[in-house]
Protein backbone atom coordinates (compact mmCIF):
# COMPACT_ATOMS: atom_id res chain seq x y z
CA UNK A 1 216.59 99.99 8.39
CA UNK A 2 217.22 103.67 7.68
CA UNK A 3 220.42 105.28 6.56
CA UNK A 4 223.49 105.18 8.75
CA UNK A 5 223.50 107.65 11.64
CA UNK A 6 226.55 109.54 12.81
CA UNK A 7 226.78 107.84 16.22
CA UNK A 8 230.21 108.51 17.69
CA UNK A 9 232.64 107.85 14.85
CA UNK A 10 234.73 110.08 12.68
CA UNK A 11 234.59 109.60 8.93
CA UNK A 12 237.21 110.25 6.29
CA UNK A 13 237.87 109.15 2.77
CA UNK A 14 240.06 109.46 -0.27
CA UNK A 15 237.79 111.99 -1.86
CA UNK A 16 236.53 115.54 -1.84
CA UNK A 17 238.04 118.95 -2.13
CA UNK A 18 239.51 121.28 0.40
CA UNK A 19 242.80 121.09 2.19
CA UNK A 20 243.98 119.92 5.55
CA UNK A 21 242.15 117.89 8.15
CA UNK A 22 238.82 119.00 9.53
CA UNK A 23 238.71 120.31 13.06
CA UNK A 24 237.87 117.91 15.86
CA UNK A 25 234.08 117.82 16.27
CA UNK A 26 232.08 117.99 19.45
CA UNK A 27 231.23 114.76 21.24
CA UNK A 28 229.31 112.44 18.94
CA UNK A 29 230.25 114.48 15.88
CA UNK A 30 231.77 113.37 12.62
CA UNK A 31 234.54 114.81 10.50
CA UNK A 32 235.99 114.17 7.09
CA UNK A 33 239.60 114.52 6.00
CA UNK A 34 240.12 115.12 2.27
CA UNK A 35 242.41 112.94 0.19
CA UNK A 36 245.79 114.23 -0.93
CA UNK A 37 246.28 112.16 -4.06
CA UNK A 38 245.64 113.19 -7.68
CA UNK A 39 243.93 110.99 -10.25
CA UNK A 40 245.54 107.53 -10.41
CA UNK A 41 245.99 105.74 -13.71
CA UNK A 42 244.94 102.09 -14.10
CA UNK A 43 246.87 99.62 -16.19
CA UNK A 44 246.90 97.78 -18.57
CA UNK A 45 244.53 99.35 -21.10
CA UNK A 46 242.72 96.75 -23.27
CA UNK A 47 239.98 97.89 -25.64
CA UNK A 48 236.57 97.51 -23.98
CA UNK A 49 233.37 96.60 -25.78
CA UNK A 50 231.80 99.78 -27.21
CA UNK A 51 228.21 99.19 -26.11
CA UNK A 52 227.71 98.74 -22.36
CA UNK A 53 224.81 96.58 -21.24
CA UNK A 54 223.28 96.43 -17.77
CA UNK A 55 224.28 93.61 -15.48
CA UNK A 56 221.95 91.94 -12.96
CA UNK A 57 221.37 93.99 -9.85
CA UNK A 58 221.12 91.70 -6.84
CA UNK A 59 219.91 93.19 -3.60
CA UNK A 60 222.62 93.43 -0.94
CA UNK A 61 222.12 91.06 1.95
CA UNK A 62 220.39 92.24 5.12
CA UNK A 63 222.27 94.47 7.50
CA UNK A 64 223.92 92.41 10.27
CA UNK A 65 222.95 93.13 13.85
CA UNK A 66 225.75 93.11 16.44
CA UNK A 67 225.18 90.59 19.21
CA UNK A 68 226.48 90.97 22.74
CA UNK A 69 228.26 94.07 23.98
CA UNK A 70 230.79 96.30 22.28
CA UNK A 71 233.78 94.31 23.57
CA UNK A 72 232.36 90.98 22.44
CA UNK A 73 231.44 92.33 19.01
CA UNK A 74 234.91 93.81 18.56
CA UNK A 75 236.68 90.67 19.78
CA UNK A 76 234.74 88.55 17.28
CA UNK A 77 236.39 90.45 14.44
CA UNK A 78 239.81 88.94 15.15
CA UNK A 79 241.57 85.60 15.35
CA UNK A 80 244.41 87.34 17.22
CA UNK A 81 243.29 90.26 19.36
CA UNK A 82 244.83 93.70 18.80
CA UNK A 83 246.94 95.47 21.40
CA UNK A 84 246.70 99.10 20.37
CA UNK A 85 248.91 100.55 23.17
CA UNK A 86 251.66 98.17 22.07
CA UNK A 87 251.06 98.92 18.36
CA UNK A 88 249.87 95.41 17.49
CA UNK A 89 246.86 95.43 15.13
CA UNK A 90 245.82 91.83 15.72
CA UNK A 91 244.66 89.51 12.94
CA UNK A 92 241.34 90.31 11.30
CA UNK A 93 239.31 87.23 10.35
CA UNK A 94 239.08 86.42 6.67
CA UNK A 95 235.30 86.33 7.01
CA UNK A 96 235.27 90.06 7.81
CA UNK A 97 237.25 90.89 4.69
CA UNK A 98 235.09 88.53 2.62
CA UNK A 99 231.98 90.26 3.95
CA UNK A 100 233.26 93.69 2.92
CA UNK A 101 234.01 92.45 -0.59
CA UNK A 102 230.63 90.75 -1.04
CA UNK A 103 228.69 93.76 0.22
CA UNK A 104 230.67 96.24 -1.85
CA UNK A 105 230.18 94.18 -5.00
CA UNK A 106 226.44 93.94 -4.33
CA UNK A 107 226.33 97.74 -4.07
CA UNK A 108 228.34 98.11 -7.28
CA UNK A 109 225.96 95.72 -9.06
CA UNK A 110 223.08 98.06 -8.21
CA UNK A 111 224.90 100.65 -10.33
CA UNK A 112 225.68 98.19 -13.18
CA UNK A 113 229.35 98.28 -12.25
CA UNK A 114 231.75 95.32 -12.49
CA UNK A 115 232.74 93.45 -9.38
CA UNK A 116 236.13 94.10 -7.81
CA UNK A 117 238.54 91.52 -6.44
CA UNK A 118 240.40 91.39 -3.17
CA UNK A 119 244.10 92.25 -2.93
CA UNK A 120 245.55 90.38 0.02
CA UNK A 121 248.97 91.74 -0.93
CA UNK A 122 247.81 95.18 0.23
CA UNK A 123 246.15 94.09 3.47
CA UNK A 124 249.04 95.17 5.64
CA UNK A 125 248.99 98.75 4.35
CA UNK A 126 245.26 99.05 5.15
CA UNK A 127 245.76 97.35 8.52
CA UNK A 128 248.65 99.59 9.57
CA UNK A 129 246.64 102.65 8.53
CA UNK A 130 243.71 101.52 10.69
CA UNK A 131 246.08 100.90 13.60
CA UNK A 132 247.47 104.43 13.40
CA UNK A 133 243.99 105.98 13.39
CA UNK A 134 242.89 103.81 16.33
CA UNK A 135 246.06 104.52 18.33
CA UNK A 136 245.89 108.29 17.89
CA UNK A 137 242.16 108.82 18.02
CA UNK A 138 242.39 110.94 14.87
CA UNK A 139 242.06 110.66 11.12
CA UNK A 140 244.58 111.79 8.54
CA UNK A 141 245.55 110.82 5.02
CA UNK A 142 248.97 112.35 5.72
CA UNK A 143 249.78 111.25 9.27
CA UNK A 144 252.95 112.77 10.75
CA UNK A 145 255.86 110.55 11.69
CA UNK A 146 255.38 111.65 15.31
CA UNK A 147 252.12 109.69 15.57
CA UNK A 148 251.91 106.67 17.83
CA UNK A 149 252.41 103.40 15.90
CA UNK A 150 253.62 105.32 12.83
CA UNK A 151 254.97 103.25 9.95
CA UNK A 152 255.74 104.23 6.39
CA UNK A 153 253.52 101.41 5.17
CA UNK A 154 250.66 102.65 7.33
CA UNK A 155 251.13 106.20 6.05
CA UNK A 156 250.96 104.92 2.48
CA UNK A 157 247.79 103.05 3.36
CA UNK A 158 246.28 106.16 4.93
CA UNK A 159 246.90 108.15 1.76
CA UNK A 160 245.27 105.56 -0.51
CA UNK A 161 242.24 104.48 1.53
CA UNK A 162 238.79 105.50 2.63
CA UNK A 163 239.05 105.88 6.41
CA UNK A 164 236.52 105.48 9.19
CA UNK A 165 236.87 105.80 12.95
CA UNK A 166 239.56 107.77 14.69
CA UNK A 167 237.94 108.39 18.07
CA UNK A 168 238.81 107.11 21.54
CA UNK A 169 235.79 107.26 23.84
CA UNK A 170 233.98 105.09 26.40
CA UNK A 171 230.75 105.93 24.52
CA UNK A 172 231.86 104.88 21.05
CA UNK A 173 229.02 103.08 19.26
CA UNK A 174 229.73 99.80 17.50
CA UNK A 175 229.63 99.85 13.70
CA UNK A 176 229.37 96.84 11.42
CA UNK A 177 231.19 96.78 8.09
CA UNK A 178 227.83 97.27 6.38
CA UNK A 179 227.35 100.49 8.36
CA UNK A 180 230.79 101.68 7.29
CA UNK A 181 229.83 101.14 3.66
CA UNK A 182 226.57 102.98 4.24
CA UNK A 183 228.40 105.91 5.82
CA UNK A 184 230.78 106.19 2.90
CA UNK A 185 227.86 106.11 0.47
CA UNK A 186 225.48 108.56 2.10
CA UNK A 187 228.14 111.16 2.98
CA UNK A 188 225.63 112.85 5.31
CA UNK A 189 228.30 113.31 7.98
CA UNK A 190 230.78 114.91 5.62
CA UNK A 191 231.55 118.40 6.87
CA UNK A 192 233.25 119.47 3.65
CA UNK A 193 230.56 121.08 1.50
CA UNK A 194 229.35 119.05 -1.48
CA UNK A 195 231.91 116.31 -0.91
CA UNK A 196 230.98 112.81 -2.10
CA UNK A 197 234.55 111.56 -2.46
CA UNK A 198 234.10 108.32 -0.50
CA UNK A 199 231.13 107.39 -2.67
CA UNK A 200 233.03 108.21 -5.85
CA UNK A 201 235.79 105.78 -4.94
CA UNK A 202 233.35 103.00 -4.01
CA UNK A 203 231.45 103.49 -7.28
CA UNK A 204 234.53 104.01 -9.43
CA UNK A 205 234.12 101.85 -12.57
CA UNK A 206 237.91 101.44 -12.68
CA UNK A 207 238.37 100.49 -9.01
CA UNK A 208 239.37 96.90 -9.76
CA UNK A 209 240.53 95.88 -6.26
CA UNK A 210 240.17 96.66 -2.59
CA UNK A 211 241.94 95.76 0.62
CA UNK A 212 240.53 96.23 4.10
CA UNK A 213 241.90 96.67 7.60
CA UNK A 214 240.21 97.33 10.93
CA UNK A 215 241.44 97.68 14.50
CA UNK A 216 238.99 97.77 17.43
CA UNK A 217 239.71 97.33 21.14
CA UNK A 218 238.50 98.21 24.62
CA UNK A 219 241.47 99.90 26.30
CA UNK A 220 242.58 99.40 29.90
CA UNK A 221 240.75 102.51 31.11
CA UNK A 222 237.48 101.35 29.56
CA UNK A 223 237.66 103.59 26.51
CA UNK A 224 236.92 102.13 23.13
CA UNK A 225 238.88 102.73 19.95
CA UNK A 226 237.93 101.64 16.47
CA UNK A 227 239.15 102.51 12.98
CA UNK A 228 238.92 101.01 9.51
CA UNK A 229 240.67 101.58 6.19
CA UNK A 230 239.50 100.38 2.80
CA UNK A 231 242.27 100.78 0.24
CA UNK A 232 240.91 102.09 -3.07
CA UNK A 233 243.94 103.00 -5.19
CA UNK A 234 247.63 102.17 -5.89
CA UNK A 235 247.46 98.39 -5.66
CA UNK A 236 250.27 95.88 -5.89
CA UNK A 237 250.35 94.66 -9.49
CA UNK A 238 247.97 97.37 -10.67
CA UNK A 239 244.42 96.73 -11.89
CA UNK A 240 243.01 95.74 -15.25
CA UNK A 241 240.70 98.10 -17.10
CA UNK A 242 237.20 96.59 -17.07
CA UNK A 243 234.98 96.17 -20.08
CA UNK A 244 231.23 96.51 -20.49
CA UNK A 245 230.86 99.72 -18.48
CA UNK A 246 227.59 101.66 -18.30
CA UNK A 247 227.37 105.16 -19.83
CA UNK A 248 226.98 106.79 -16.41
CA UNK A 249 227.00 106.18 -12.66
CA UNK A 250 224.06 107.67 -10.77
CA UNK A 251 223.38 107.62 -7.03
CA UNK A 252 220.87 106.36 -6.13
CA UNK A 253 219.88 104.20 -9.09
CA UNK A 254 217.06 101.69 -9.59
CA UNK A 255 215.63 100.03 -6.49
CA UNK A 256 218.02 101.20 -3.78
CA UNK A 257 218.25 99.91 -0.19
CA UNK A 258 217.19 102.53 2.36
CA UNK A 259 220.16 101.80 4.60
CA UNK A 260 222.48 103.06 1.86
CA UNK A 261 220.63 106.33 1.34
CA UNK A 262 219.43 109.28 3.37
CA UNK A 263 216.87 111.83 2.24
CA UNK A 264 219.39 114.57 3.06
CA UNK A 265 222.08 112.93 0.94
CA UNK A 266 223.48 114.61 -2.12
CA UNK A 267 222.46 112.76 -5.24
CA UNK A 268 225.30 112.39 -7.72
CA UNK A 269 225.92 111.66 -11.39
CA UNK A 270 229.12 110.81 -13.26
CA UNK A 271 229.46 110.34 -17.03
CA UNK A 272 231.60 107.50 -18.36
CA UNK A 273 232.68 109.13 -21.62
CA UNK A 274 235.93 107.15 -21.90
CA UNK A 275 235.73 103.47 -20.94
CA UNK A 276 239.47 102.88 -21.30
CA UNK A 277 240.74 105.07 -18.48
CA UNK A 278 239.70 107.26 -15.57
CA UNK A 279 240.86 110.40 -17.34
CA UNK A 280 240.73 111.14 -21.05
CA UNK A 281 237.32 112.40 -22.17
CA UNK A 282 235.99 111.81 -18.65
CA UNK A 283 238.03 114.76 -17.44
CA UNK A 284 236.47 117.15 -19.97
CA UNK A 285 232.77 116.40 -19.33
CA UNK A 286 231.10 119.81 -18.96
CA UNK A 287 228.13 120.29 -16.62
CA UNK A 288 228.10 124.10 -16.86
CA UNK A 289 225.00 124.14 -19.09
CA UNK A 290 223.31 121.08 -17.65
CA UNK A 291 219.74 121.17 -16.33
CA UNK A 292 218.34 118.72 -13.77
CA UNK A 293 214.67 117.76 -13.47
CA UNK A 294 213.30 115.27 -10.92
CA UNK A 295 209.68 114.10 -10.94
CA UNK A 296 207.56 111.67 -8.91
CA UNK A 297 205.34 111.08 -11.93
CA UNK A 298 202.86 113.74 -10.90
CA UNK A 299 204.85 116.82 -10.00
CA UNK A 300 208.36 118.19 -10.20
CA UNK A 301 210.52 118.21 -7.09
CA UNK A 302 212.75 121.07 -6.05
CA UNK A 303 216.42 120.61 -6.98
CA UNK A 304 218.96 122.67 -5.06
CA UNK A 305 222.59 122.88 -3.98
CA UNK A 306 223.85 121.99 -7.44
CA UNK A 307 227.60 121.78 -7.97
CA UNK A 308 229.98 119.96 -10.28
CA UNK A 309 233.68 119.37 -10.77
CA UNK A 310 236.37 117.67 -12.82
CA UNK A 311 238.44 116.79 -9.79
CA UNK A 312 240.48 113.61 -10.01
CA UNK A 313 238.93 111.59 -7.22
CA UNK A 314 238.15 108.40 -9.13
CA UNK A 315 236.46 109.39 -12.44
CA UNK A 316 237.19 113.13 -12.82
CA UNK A 317 233.69 114.45 -13.41
CA UNK A 318 230.79 114.66 -11.01
CA UNK A 319 227.47 116.47 -10.74
CA UNK A 320 225.81 116.59 -7.33
CA UNK A 321 222.57 118.04 -6.02
CA UNK A 322 219.90 117.84 -3.34
CA UNK A 323 216.27 116.97 -3.99
CA UNK A 324 213.55 118.06 -1.56
CA UNK A 325 210.70 115.82 -0.44
CA UNK A 326 212.11 112.39 -1.28
CA UNK A 327 210.21 109.47 0.24
CA UNK A 328 210.74 105.73 0.36
CA UNK A 329 208.67 103.58 -1.98
CA UNK A 330 208.17 106.27 -4.64
CA UNK A 331 209.65 105.90 -8.12
CA UNK A 332 211.41 109.09 -9.21
CA UNK A 333 212.53 109.96 -12.71
CA UNK A 334 215.64 112.07 -13.23
CA UNK A 335 216.47 113.90 -16.44
CA UNK A 336 219.83 115.60 -16.86
CA UNK A 337 220.06 117.53 -20.11
CA UNK A 338 222.69 119.62 -21.83
CA UNK A 339 225.77 117.77 -20.56
CA UNK A 340 228.81 118.52 -22.72
CA UNK A 341 230.40 115.20 -23.74
CA UNK A 342 233.19 115.39 -26.32
CA UNK A 343 231.79 118.78 -27.33
CA UNK A 344 228.24 117.51 -27.90
CA UNK A 345 225.23 118.37 -25.71
CA UNK A 346 223.99 115.04 -24.34
CA UNK A 347 220.90 114.12 -22.34
CA UNK A 348 220.51 111.35 -19.74
CA UNK A 349 217.57 109.89 -17.87
CA UNK A 350 217.09 107.23 -15.20
CA UNK A 351 214.81 106.28 -12.31
CA UNK A 352 215.30 105.34 -8.69
CA UNK A 353 213.20 104.15 -5.76
CA UNK A 354 214.25 103.83 -2.13
CA UNK A 355 213.18 100.46 -0.78
CA UNK A 356 213.33 98.76 2.62
C-alpha cells in the first residue's frame, strides 16, 4: 500500500510554525492548524544510561481494510453510538484505542524509540476535542467558546493533541486509525511550508503517553462527519523520562513501510544531545553549517528545500529536506556533517529503504 492520500479530510497537529488556522481548502483539500503551545517539560528526571543501544524494530502490522460502507465502518468504532447534533461523543471501543497504541509503538520501534503507554485518565479531553471538531466541521487548537459542543476540557484537549478530520460532507472518505497515523507521519497534506510538527510529536523520545478520541457519524441529512484527537502532551500525572535513547531520530530510518512514507515527503532529522529532557542541549543544536548528502550507492541524489529550527514542538531541534528520485526497494545512505552539538562539529550517518 502506498502512502496516505488526502481524500476528503482536514489535518492538523500540535506542531509546526506559523500563526492562526489555515484557510478552508477547496473540496477534497487538506489543511493544517499550527499548535499554540511552547515546549513542555517532562517529569521526573532520572539519570538515563549514557550509551544508547538500538532496540528491535518490528514491522508494523498490515494496514486494515474497512469492510462495509462508511456508516457501518463508523458504527463499528463505538459501543455507544455518538449523537453529534446533541453533543454526545458516544463510547469508543477499547480495541480502537489499543490499536492506536500498538501501531504507534511499532512505528516508534522503527526509530529505536521507547514504547509509550496509554493514559485513560486523559481520554475525555481527547474525546471532547474530537467531538468539537466533528460538530463544527473545522479544526482549531484554540476553539472559541462560541463553537457547538464547546467545553473547557475539549478546548484543553484541542490544544494538546494532534488533530485529524474537521469536515462535514456527504463525500467524506473513511479513514482507519492506521491511515491517520500515516497522515501525521508523511505530512504531505500540510499546507504550512516545511512543517513536520505532527511527526515530531509522534517520534518524540520523551512522549511517554498518549490518549485518543474519535467521533464519526452519518448525520440526518446524509452528511458524514469524522474527527480524531491524539493527545501528545500535558498528561495527568506527568510522564517519566525514558532511558536508553538513540543519538538521533531520522525519518525515514531503516526498512520503512511504504504506507508511512511518500516520495514527496520531507525527510527529517533530530539530534538527541540531552537525554534527560526535551530542552537543554537539544535546544542549542546548530544546523547552520550542516551539509546533507544522500546516495543510492552509485550516485548522489539531489537534496533541496533544506530548513531547520529550534522550535519547541517536541524536541526543539529539527533539520528537514526533500530528496529527488526516491524509489521503493532501494537502500539509501544519508550523511549529515557539520552539526553543532555542544559547540562541537558532529557528523551522523544512517540508511533507509522503503519497503512494501
